[in-house]
Amino acid sequence: MGIVKPLTQKAINSIANCGYLTVYEGAVRSGKTVASELAWINYITNSPEKFFIMSGNTIASLYRNVISGDYGLLSVLGRRAEYITSRDTRQLIVHAGRGKDKICYCFGANTERSFNSLRGATVGGWYADEVNLQPQSFVEEAFKRSFASVDRKNIWTLNPDNPNHWIYREYTDRYLNEKLPGYRQWFFTLDDNLAIPEERKEELKKQYTGVFYRRYILGERVVAEGVIYDSFSETNIYDDAERPHNLELISQRTIAVDYGTTNPCVFLDIYDDGDTIWVDNEYRWDSQSDEAKRAPRAQKTDGEYGADMVTFMGDNLCEVVVDPSAASFIAELLTRLMFVTQADNAVNDGIRATSNMFMKKKIRVHRERCAGLIGELRSYAWDKKASQKGEDKPIKENDHGADALRYFVFTKLPKWRIGFEERKEERQKVG
């Protein structure tokens, strides 16, 4: 196994003192994932058990965050590990020496039905990446799978969340307050990753705003409240005098859609010049639009919306990114031979990405042609009632243009542009 360095004394202590549940919580890029990986390797290679569980919000996120990459388990373990995939299973095999293989069954846990995949398994321990993003039913079932283990250990990682989240109430804070034997909890900050230079820390701090800054940089558990896009300001708005004269020639065009049946329907005409996103025009139909007032009715048909899309798009054909739940409208666009992409509807990740782009002044919205969107962005807010239950959800009112913009940002832009990709120096170095 490669040697990971440098490590703080906190990280070293956490690896050497794992209990039956060890929790790593803290800021992004704080070194908690590397420490948890080493603790997991130390545990499974020395455990008399053979079978284990690893889980993430999705299989892809578990693989990306923990298994692959320059500092994932495959790199740290080298020839002593292999990742095997089949139609039904994903396994990380760790060759522990003396002919003993340790088998880690890998699962994605992003729906309430995910726990069904665990039933019947008997394992030694469990590693959970971003455990707070996994359903409570899955967490409860995964815990049960190791009850019979003679060497039971569970390792969790998470970024700080809403302080009312059930993971704190039912597990971490409860166990800490009850001083439960075998429970270990470690909090990490940016200063606990000795591989990050000070200038990079300052760069990271500039990538977050509002609730995301307090959680992911300061490592605080805070309630999501107030206006969501608090970094949206006049500097994110432009008019024709500021519009690049050759925008159509230097940019890639996309139309983003939030489709409504009984709700409003919004199309956004978006240009990406490789640096800045220009939201240049919008189509909006609802009961309050001028067209609806002239001919009052609850909604348009898919065919009528499709015809409106043809007019809105004009002769400059482009890709259309659509709300993935709009199956009938997607089918309508396909009959018109349009290039359609279903949007990635990861709500909170999409909000964070869009917020990052606003803060960096990389999204500009046209003042006159996108007045509806501007009004939404200024009032788009977190749901207080949901926050009290430990959930981060936006209020589902006057959000259709905001949703369409989020679809575009999180579906079309590469992760490095929206602040979602680590740089090599942000993790501990492997020697």
Protein backbone atom coordinates (compact mmCIF):
# COMPACT_ATOMS: atom_id res chain seq x y z
CA MET A 1 0.00 0.00 0.00
CA GLY A 2 1.25 3.48 -0.84
CA ILE A 3 2.09 5.86 1.96
CA VAL A 4 -0.21 8.83 2.37
CA LYS A 5 1.39 12.02 3.62
CA PRO A 6 1.27 14.40 5.24
CA LEU A 7 -1.39 13.58 7.84
CA THR A 8 -2.35 15.59 10.90
CA GLN A 9 -2.24 13.97 14.31
CA LYS A 10 -6.04 14.11 14.29
CA ALA A 11 -6.17 11.99 11.13
CA ILE A 12 -3.63 9.52 12.52
CA ASN A 13 -5.58 9.19 15.77
CA SER A 14 -8.84 8.63 13.89
CA ILE A 15 -7.31 5.79 11.87
CA ALA A 16 -5.82 4.09 14.92
CA ASN A 17 -8.95 4.41 17.10
CA CYS A 18 -11.91 3.26 15.04
CA GLY A 19 -14.90 2.08 17.02
CA TYR A 20 -17.97 0.19 15.93
CA LEU A 21 -19.11 3.50 14.37
CA THR A 22 -16.60 6.17 13.35
CA VAL A 23 -17.92 9.37 11.76
CA TYR A 24 -15.86 11.82 9.70
CA GLU A 25 -17.65 15.16 9.33
CA GLY A 26 -16.34 18.47 8.08
CA ALA A 27 -15.57 20.93 5.33
CA VAL A 28 -14.85 20.02 1.73
CA ARG A 29 -11.21 19.30 0.88
CA SER A 30 -10.46 18.84 4.59
CA GLY A 31 -8.80 15.44 4.26
CA LYS A 32 -11.62 13.53 5.95
CA THR A 33 -12.18 11.20 2.98
CA VAL A 34 -8.51 10.20 2.78
CA ALA A 35 -8.41 9.55 6.53
CA SER A 36 -11.60 7.51 6.35
CA GLU A 37 -10.24 5.48 3.41
CA LEU A 38 -7.10 4.60 5.36
CA ALA A 39 -9.16 3.70 8.41
CA TRP A 40 -11.31 1.43 6.21
CA ILE A 41 -8.27 -0.28 4.64
CA ASN A 42 -6.72 -0.81 8.06
CA TYR A 43 -9.95 -2.35 9.31
CA ILE A 44 -10.83 -4.73 6.49
CA THR A 45 -7.28 -6.02 5.92
CA ASN A 46 -6.96 -6.96 9.60
CA SER A 47 -10.52 -8.13 10.20
CA PRO A 48 -11.28 -11.87 10.41
CA GLU A 49 -14.45 -11.16 8.39
CA LYS A 50 -14.50 -11.63 4.62
CA PHE A 51 -17.52 -9.66 3.36
CA PHE A 52 -18.23 -5.94 3.74
CA ILE A 53 -20.53 -3.20 2.40
CA MET A 54 -19.64 0.12 0.81
CA SER A 55 -22.30 2.65 -0.22
CA GLY A 56 -22.73 6.11 -1.67
CA ASN A 57 -25.61 8.26 -2.78
CA THR A 58 -25.06 6.58 -6.16
CA ILE A 59 -22.66 3.94 -7.42
CA ALA A 60 -21.07 6.65 -9.57
CA SER A 61 -20.48 9.01 -6.63
CA LEU A 62 -19.03 6.20 -4.46
CA TYR A 63 -16.67 5.21 -7.27
CA ARG A 64 -15.67 8.82 -7.98
CA ASN A 65 -15.22 9.94 -4.37
CA VAL A 66 -13.68 6.88 -2.75
CA ILE A 67 -12.63 4.12 -5.15
CA SER A 68 -11.16 5.71 -8.29
CA GLY A 69 -8.86 8.64 -8.93
CA ASP A 70 -5.28 9.33 -7.95
CA TYR A 71 -6.09 9.06 -4.24
CA GLY A 72 -8.92 6.55 -4.20
CA LEU A 73 -8.67 3.04 -2.82
CA LEU A 74 -7.54 1.52 -6.12
CA SER A 75 -4.57 3.89 -6.31
CA VAL A 76 -3.65 3.60 -2.64
CA LEU A 77 -3.81 -0.21 -2.70
CA GLY A 78 -2.33 -0.68 -6.17
CA ARG A 79 -2.17 -4.34 -7.18
CA ARG A 80 -3.73 -5.34 -3.90
CA ALA A 81 -7.18 -4.23 -5.07
CA GLU A 82 -9.45 -4.60 -8.08
CA TYR A 83 -12.92 -3.33 -8.91
CA ILE A 84 -15.22 -5.85 -10.59
CA THR A 85 -18.49 -4.97 -12.27
CA SER A 86 -21.25 -7.14 -13.65
CA ARG A 87 -24.83 -6.57 -14.68
CA ASP A 88 -26.07 -7.05 -11.10
CA THR A 89 -23.17 -6.29 -8.76
CA ARG A 90 -20.20 -4.05 -8.08
CA GLN A 91 -17.38 -5.39 -5.91
CA LEU A 92 -14.12 -3.99 -4.58
CA ILE A 93 -11.78 -6.93 -3.98
CA VAL A 94 -8.90 -6.32 -1.56
CA HIS A 95 -6.11 -8.90 -1.50
CA ALA A 96 -5.16 -8.93 2.18
CA GLY A 97 -2.25 -11.37 1.92
CA ARG A 98 -1.81 -15.06 2.65
CA GLY A 99 -4.43 -15.83 0.02
CA LYS A 100 -7.16 -13.96 1.85
CA ASP A 101 -9.42 -11.77 -0.23
CA LYS A 102 -11.78 -9.24 1.30
CA ILE A 103 -14.92 -8.54 -0.72
CA CYS A 104 -16.69 -5.18 -0.46
CA TYR A 105 -20.14 -5.15 -2.06
CA CYS A 106 -20.80 -1.65 -3.44
CA PHE A 107 -24.25 -0.06 -3.49
CA GLY A 108 -25.92 3.16 -4.55
CA ALA A 109 -28.55 4.46 -2.14
CA ASN A 110 -30.62 7.27 -3.59
CA THR A 111 -34.19 6.02 -3.26
CA GLU A 112 -36.31 4.70 -0.42
CA ARG A 113 -36.32 1.29 -2.12
CA SER A 114 -32.52 1.01 -2.10
CA PHE A 115 -32.50 -0.89 1.19
CA ASN A 116 -34.02 -3.93 -0.58
CA SER A 117 -30.66 -4.61 -2.22
CA LEU A 118 -29.10 -5.25 1.21
CA ARG A 119 -31.52 -7.82 2.52
CA GLY A 120 -30.02 -11.20 3.30
CA ALA A 121 -26.42 -9.96 3.41
CA THR A 122 -24.22 -10.74 6.42
CA VAL A 123 -21.09 -8.62 6.61
CA GLY A 124 -18.35 -7.52 8.93
CA GLY A 125 -18.71 -3.75 8.51
CA TRP A 126 -19.87 -0.89 6.33
CA TYR A 127 -18.33 2.21 4.73
CA ALA A 128 -20.80 4.99 3.84
CA ASP A 129 -19.70 7.92 1.69
CA GLU A 130 -21.87 11.04 2.25
CA VAL A 131 -24.16 9.07 4.54
CA ASN A 132 -26.50 12.04 5.04
CA LEU A 133 -27.48 11.80 1.36
CA GLN A 134 -28.60 8.20 1.75
CA PRO A 135 -32.19 7.32 2.77
CA GLN A 136 -32.86 6.56 6.41
CA SER A 137 -34.33 3.18 5.48
CA PHE A 138 -31.05 2.21 3.79
CA VAL A 139 -28.96 3.34 6.77
CA GLU A 140 -31.11 1.32 9.17
CA GLU A 141 -30.87 -1.80 6.99
CA ALA A 142 -27.11 -1.46 6.42
CA PHE A 143 -26.55 -1.25 10.17
CA LYS A 144 -28.46 -4.51 10.66
CA ARG A 145 -26.27 -6.39 8.19
CA SER A 146 -23.29 -6.44 10.58
CA PHE A 147 -25.06 -7.38 13.83
CA ALA A 148 -23.54 -10.88 13.75
CA SER A 149 -20.01 -9.67 13.03
CA VAL A 150 -17.26 -10.61 15.47
CA ASP A 151 -15.35 -7.49 14.44
CA ARG A 152 -18.06 -4.96 13.66
CA LYS A 153 -16.94 -1.55 12.40
CA ASN A 154 -18.84 1.09 10.43
CA ILE A 155 -17.22 4.21 8.93
CA TRP A 156 -19.22 7.21 7.71
CA THR A 157 -18.30 10.46 5.99
CA LEU A 158 -20.46 13.54 5.54
CA ASN A 159 -20.30 17.26 4.91
CA PRO A 160 -22.18 19.38 7.48
CA ASP A 161 -25.91 19.47 6.85
CA ASN A 162 -29.09 20.99 8.24
CA PRO A 163 -28.80 20.67 12.05
CA ASN A 164 -32.29 19.16 12.09
CA HIS A 165 -31.28 16.32 9.76
CA TRP A 166 -32.29 12.87 11.00
CA ILE A 167 -28.70 11.59 10.76
CA TYR A 168 -27.81 13.83 13.72
CA ARG A 169 -31.02 13.26 15.67
CA GLU A 170 -31.16 9.48 15.31
CA TYR A 171 -27.45 8.65 15.20
CA THR A 172 -24.43 10.91 15.54
CA ASP A 173 -25.54 13.49 18.11
CA ARG A 174 -27.64 10.97 19.97
CA TYR A 175 -24.72 8.53 20.29
CA LEU A 176 -22.37 11.33 21.30
CA ASN A 177 -24.73 12.65 23.98
CA GLU A 178 -25.35 9.17 25.33
CA LYS A 179 -21.58 8.52 25.40
CA LEU A 180 -22.18 5.23 23.64
CA PRO A 181 -19.15 2.92 23.95
CA GLY A 182 -17.42 2.38 20.64
CA TYR A 183 -18.66 5.60 19.03
CA ARG A 184 -16.06 7.96 17.54
CA GLN A 185 -16.73 11.34 15.93
CA TRP A 186 -14.14 13.50 14.16
CA PHE A 187 -14.59 17.02 12.78
CA PHE A 188 -12.28 18.22 10.00
CA THR A 189 -11.60 21.73 8.65
CA LEU A 190 -9.51 22.99 5.73
CA ASP A 191 -6.58 23.31 8.12
CA ASP A 192 -6.63 19.54 8.61
CA ASN A 193 -5.52 19.00 5.01
CA LEU A 194 -1.83 19.85 5.08
CA ALA A 195 -1.55 19.38 1.32
CA ILE A 196 -3.57 22.51 0.48
CA PRO A 197 -1.53 25.74 0.28
CA GLU A 198 -3.00 28.92 1.74
CA GLU A 199 -3.62 30.48 -1.66
CA ARG A 200 -5.70 27.46 -2.68
CA LYS A 201 -7.75 27.74 0.52
CA GLU A 202 -8.55 31.34 -0.35
CA GLU A 203 -9.52 30.25 -3.87
CA LEU A 204 -11.88 27.60 -2.46
CA LYS A 205 -13.52 30.13 -0.17
CA LYS A 206 -14.42 32.26 -3.16
CA GLN A 207 -16.32 29.38 -4.77
CA TYR A 208 -19.12 29.29 -2.20
CA THR A 209 -21.71 31.65 -0.85
CA GLY A 210 -24.48 31.71 1.75
CA VAL A 211 -25.43 28.40 3.34
CA PHE A 212 -22.95 26.52 1.15
CA TYR A 213 -20.04 28.66 2.37
CA ARG A 214 -20.93 28.09 6.01
CA ARG A 215 -21.31 24.34 5.52
CA TYR A 216 -18.59 23.46 3.04
CA ILE A 217 -15.90 25.98 4.03
CA LEU A 218 -16.52 26.79 7.69
CA GLY A 219 -17.79 23.28 8.45
CA GLU A 220 -20.91 24.53 10.24
CA ARG A 221 -24.27 22.82 10.47
CA VAL A 222 -26.72 25.52 9.40
CA VAL A 223 -30.35 25.73 8.36
CA ALA A 224 -30.99 26.65 4.72
CA GLU A 225 -33.13 29.77 4.96
CA GLY A 226 -33.83 32.98 3.14
CA VAL A 227 -33.15 33.77 -0.51
CA ILE A 228 -31.32 30.96 -2.28
CA TYR A 229 -29.37 32.98 -4.85
CA ASP A 230 -28.14 35.67 -2.49
CA SER A 231 -25.15 36.27 -4.80
CA PHE A 232 -27.40 37.24 -7.73
CA SER A 233 -27.08 41.01 -8.21
CA GLU A 234 -27.11 43.81 -10.78
CA THR A 235 -23.70 42.65 -12.01
CA ASN A 236 -25.41 39.47 -13.26
CA ILE A 237 -27.80 41.50 -15.44
CA TYR A 238 -27.05 42.98 -18.87
CA ASP A 239 -28.80 44.88 -21.64
CA ASP A 240 -28.23 45.18 -25.39
CA ALA A 241 -25.46 47.72 -24.93
CA GLU A 242 -23.38 45.15 -23.02
CA ARG A 243 -24.33 42.17 -25.17
CA PRO A 244 -21.40 40.90 -27.31
CA HIS A 245 -22.21 41.91 -30.89
CA ASN A 246 -21.18 38.51 -32.27
CA LEU A 247 -22.62 36.38 -29.44
CA GLU A 248 -24.30 33.91 -31.82
CA LEU A 249 -21.01 33.30 -33.64
CA ILE A 250 -18.73 32.81 -30.64
CA SER A 251 -21.07 30.78 -28.44
CA GLN A 252 -22.78 27.43 -28.16
CA ARG A 253 -26.54 27.82 -27.98
CA THR A 254 -28.90 25.73 -25.83
CA ILE A 255 -32.57 26.09 -24.96
CA ALA A 256 -33.41 24.96 -21.41
CA VAL A 257 -36.99 24.00 -20.59
CA ASP A 258 -39.03 23.69 -17.43
CA TYR A 259 -42.22 22.11 -18.70
CA GLY A 260 -45.60 22.75 -17.13
CA THR A 261 -48.94 21.06 -17.67
CA THR A 262 -51.10 22.92 -15.18
CA ASN A 263 -48.04 24.94 -14.11
CA PRO A 264 -46.24 27.60 -16.17
CA CYS A 265 -43.94 26.53 -19.00
CA VAL A 266 -40.62 28.33 -19.53
CA PHE A 267 -37.99 28.15 -22.31
CA LEU A 268 -34.65 29.91 -21.79
CA ASP A 269 -32.46 30.85 -24.77
CA ILE A 270 -28.89 30.44 -23.48
CA TYR A 271 -25.49 31.16 -25.07
CA ASP A 272 -22.23 29.83 -23.63
CA ASP A 273 -19.08 31.51 -24.92
CA GLY A 274 -16.80 29.22 -22.88
CA ASP A 275 -16.43 31.75 -20.08
CA THR A 276 -19.81 33.36 -19.44
CA ILE A 277 -23.36 32.08 -19.71
CA TRP A 278 -25.68 34.59 -21.42
CA VAL A 279 -29.40 34.00 -20.78
CA ASP A 280 -30.61 36.06 -23.70
CA ASN A 281 -34.34 35.46 -24.03
CA GLU A 282 -37.23 33.63 -22.43
CA TYR A 283 -40.57 32.15 -23.45
CA ARG A 284 -43.12 31.98 -20.66
CA TRP A 285 -46.69 30.76 -20.81
CA ASP A 286 -48.99 30.71 -17.80
CA SER A 287 -52.44 31.94 -16.86
CA GLN A 288 -51.07 35.46 -16.38
CA SER A 289 -49.25 35.75 -19.70
CA ASP A 290 -50.60 38.14 -22.30
CA GLU A 291 -51.45 35.29 -24.68
CA ALA A 292 -53.38 33.38 -21.99
CA LYS A 293 -55.35 36.49 -21.04
CA ARG A 294 -56.43 36.90 -24.66
CA ALA A 295 -57.66 33.29 -24.79
CA PRO A 296 -58.12 32.07 -21.19
CA ARG A 297 -57.45 28.37 -20.59
CA ALA A 298 -55.58 26.16 -18.11
CA GLN A 299 -52.76 25.00 -20.37
CA LYS A 300 -51.51 24.34 -23.89
CA THR A 301 -51.13 20.97 -25.56
CA ASP A 302 -47.75 19.37 -26.23
CA GLY A 303 -48.28 20.07 -29.92
CA GLU A 304 -48.86 23.76 -29.27
CA TYR A 305 -45.80 23.98 -27.04
CA GLY A 306 -43.82 22.15 -29.73
CA ALA A 307 -44.93 24.69 -32.34
CA ASP A 308 -43.95 27.50 -29.97
CA MET A 309 -40.52 25.88 -29.57
CA VAL A 310 -40.03 25.87 -33.34
CA THR A 311 -40.84 29.60 -33.46
CA PHE A 312 -38.69 30.37 -30.41
CA MET A 313 -35.70 28.44 -31.76
CA GLY A 314 -35.87 29.92 -35.26
CA ASP A 315 -33.38 28.92 -37.94
CA ASN A 316 -30.41 28.60 -35.55
CA LEU A 317 -31.00 24.95 -34.57
CA CYS A 318 -29.63 23.86 -31.21
CA GLU A 319 -29.84 21.33 -28.39
CA VAL A 320 -32.83 21.41 -26.02
CA VAL A 321 -32.32 20.46 -22.34
CA VAL A 322 -35.63 19.42 -20.82
CA ASP A 323 -37.03 18.63 -17.40
CA PRO A 324 -36.70 14.80 -17.26
CA SER A 325 -40.27 14.39 -15.98
CA ALA A 326 -41.67 15.93 -19.20
CA ALA A 327 -41.85 12.63 -21.09
CA SER A 328 -44.74 13.61 -23.36
CA PHE A 329 -43.13 16.92 -24.35
CA ILE A 330 -39.78 15.23 -25.00
CA ALA A 331 -41.59 12.82 -27.32
CA GLU A 332 -43.22 15.78 -29.08
CA LEU A 333 -39.85 17.48 -29.64
CA LEU A 334 -38.35 14.25 -30.97
CA THR A 335 -41.12 14.00 -33.56
CA ARG A 336 -39.94 17.43 -34.74
CA LEU A 337 -36.40 16.00 -35.17
CA MET A 338 -34.93 18.13 -32.40
CA PHE A 339 -31.81 17.15 -30.44
CA VAL A 340 -33.11 16.66 -26.88
CA THR A 341 -31.19 15.96 -23.65
CA GLN A 342 -32.93 15.03 -20.41
CA ALA A 343 -31.72 17.33 -17.64
CA ASP A 344 -29.89 16.20 -14.53
CA ASN A 345 -32.42 17.08 -11.82
CA ALA A 346 -30.15 16.88 -8.77
CA VAL A 347 -31.84 19.83 -7.07
CA ASN A 348 -29.44 20.86 -4.31
CA ASP A 349 -26.28 20.13 -6.29
CA GLY A 350 -27.77 22.10 -9.18
CA ILE A 351 -28.59 25.01 -6.88
CA ARG A 352 -25.07 25.02 -5.47
CA ALA A 353 -23.56 24.93 -8.98
CA THR A 354 -25.78 27.79 -10.17
CA SER A 355 -25.02 29.78 -7.02
CA ASN A 356 -21.29 29.32 -7.67
CA MET A 357 -21.69 30.63 -11.21
CA PHE A 358 -23.64 33.68 -10.02
CA MET A 359 -21.02 34.44 -7.39
CA LYS A 360 -18.23 34.25 -9.99
CA LYS A 361 -20.29 36.55 -12.26
CA LYS A 362 -20.29 33.88 -14.95
CA ILE A 363 -24.05 34.02 -15.54
CA ARG A 364 -25.57 37.13 -17.12
CA VAL A 365 -29.33 37.56 -17.64
CA HIS A 366 -30.90 40.01 -20.11
CA ARG A 367 -32.80 42.73 -18.26
CA GLU A 368 -35.75 43.25 -20.62
CA ARG A 369 -36.11 39.94 -22.44
CA CYS A 370 -35.77 37.82 -19.26
CA ALA A 371 -37.68 39.96 -16.76
CA GLY A 372 -39.68 36.95 -15.55
CA LEU A 373 -36.53 34.97 -14.74
CA ILE A 374 -34.94 37.93 -12.94
CA GLY A 375 -38.02 38.29 -10.76
CA GLU A 376 -37.88 34.60 -9.86
CA LEU A 377 -34.17 34.64 -9.02
CA ARG A 378 -34.67 37.55 -6.63
CA SER A 379 -37.44 35.78 -4.71
CA TYR A 380 -36.39 32.11 -4.97
CA ALA A 381 -36.20 30.98 -1.34
CA TRP A 382 -35.69 27.98 0.94
CA ASP A 383 -38.78 26.34 2.43
CA LYS A 384 -38.81 27.09 6.19
CA LYS A 385 -41.14 24.22 7.03
CA ALA A 386 -38.92 21.73 5.23
CA SER A 387 -35.83 23.13 6.99
CA GLN A 388 -37.43 22.51 10.37
CA LYS A 389 -37.72 18.85 9.38
CA GLY A 390 -34.06 18.70 8.41
CA GLU A 391 -34.67 18.96 4.66
CA ASP A 392 -33.21 21.48 2.20
CA LYS A 393 -35.93 22.26 -0.32
CA PRO A 394 -36.79 25.42 -2.27
CA ILE A 395 -40.32 26.77 -2.12
CA LYS A 396 -42.13 25.40 -5.17
CA GLU A 397 -43.59 28.73 -6.28
CA ASN A 398 -42.46 31.06 -9.07
CA ASP A 399 -39.49 28.82 -9.78
CA HIS A 400 -39.93 27.63 -13.36
CA GLY A 401 -37.31 29.85 -14.98
CA ALA A 402 -34.96 29.21 -12.06
CA ASP A 403 -35.42 25.45 -12.56
CA ALA A 404 -34.74 25.71 -16.29
CA LEU A 405 -31.52 27.62 -15.62
CA ARG A 406 -30.47 25.03 -13.02
CA TYR A 407 -31.10 22.23 -15.53
CA PHE A 408 -28.76 23.92 -18.01
CA VAL A 409 -25.97 24.63 -15.52
CA PHE A 410 -25.82 21.18 -13.95
CA THR A 411 -26.43 19.24 -17.17
CA LYS A 412 -24.33 21.09 -19.73
CA LEU A 413 -21.39 22.66 -17.91
CA PRO A 414 -18.29 20.60 -17.09
CA LYS A 415 -17.75 20.02 -13.39
CA TRP A 416 -14.57 22.09 -13.21
CA ARG A 417 -16.50 25.21 -14.32
CA ILE A 418 -19.11 24.88 -11.59
CA GLY A 419 -16.65 24.11 -8.78
CA PHE A 420 -17.42 20.39 -8.44
CA GLU A 421 -14.08 18.86 -9.37
CA GLU A 422 -11.12 18.48 -7.04
CA ARG A 423 -7.63 19.42 -8.07
CA LYS A 424 -4.87 16.92 -7.41
CA GLU A 425 -3.23 19.00 -4.71
CA GLU A 426 -6.47 19.22 -2.73
CA ARG A 427 -6.06 15.67 -1.46
CA GLN A 428 -3.19 14.18 0.52
CA LYS A 429 -0.25 13.20 -1.67
CA VAL A 430 0.48 9.52 -2.27
CA GLY A 431 4.10 8.50 -2.26
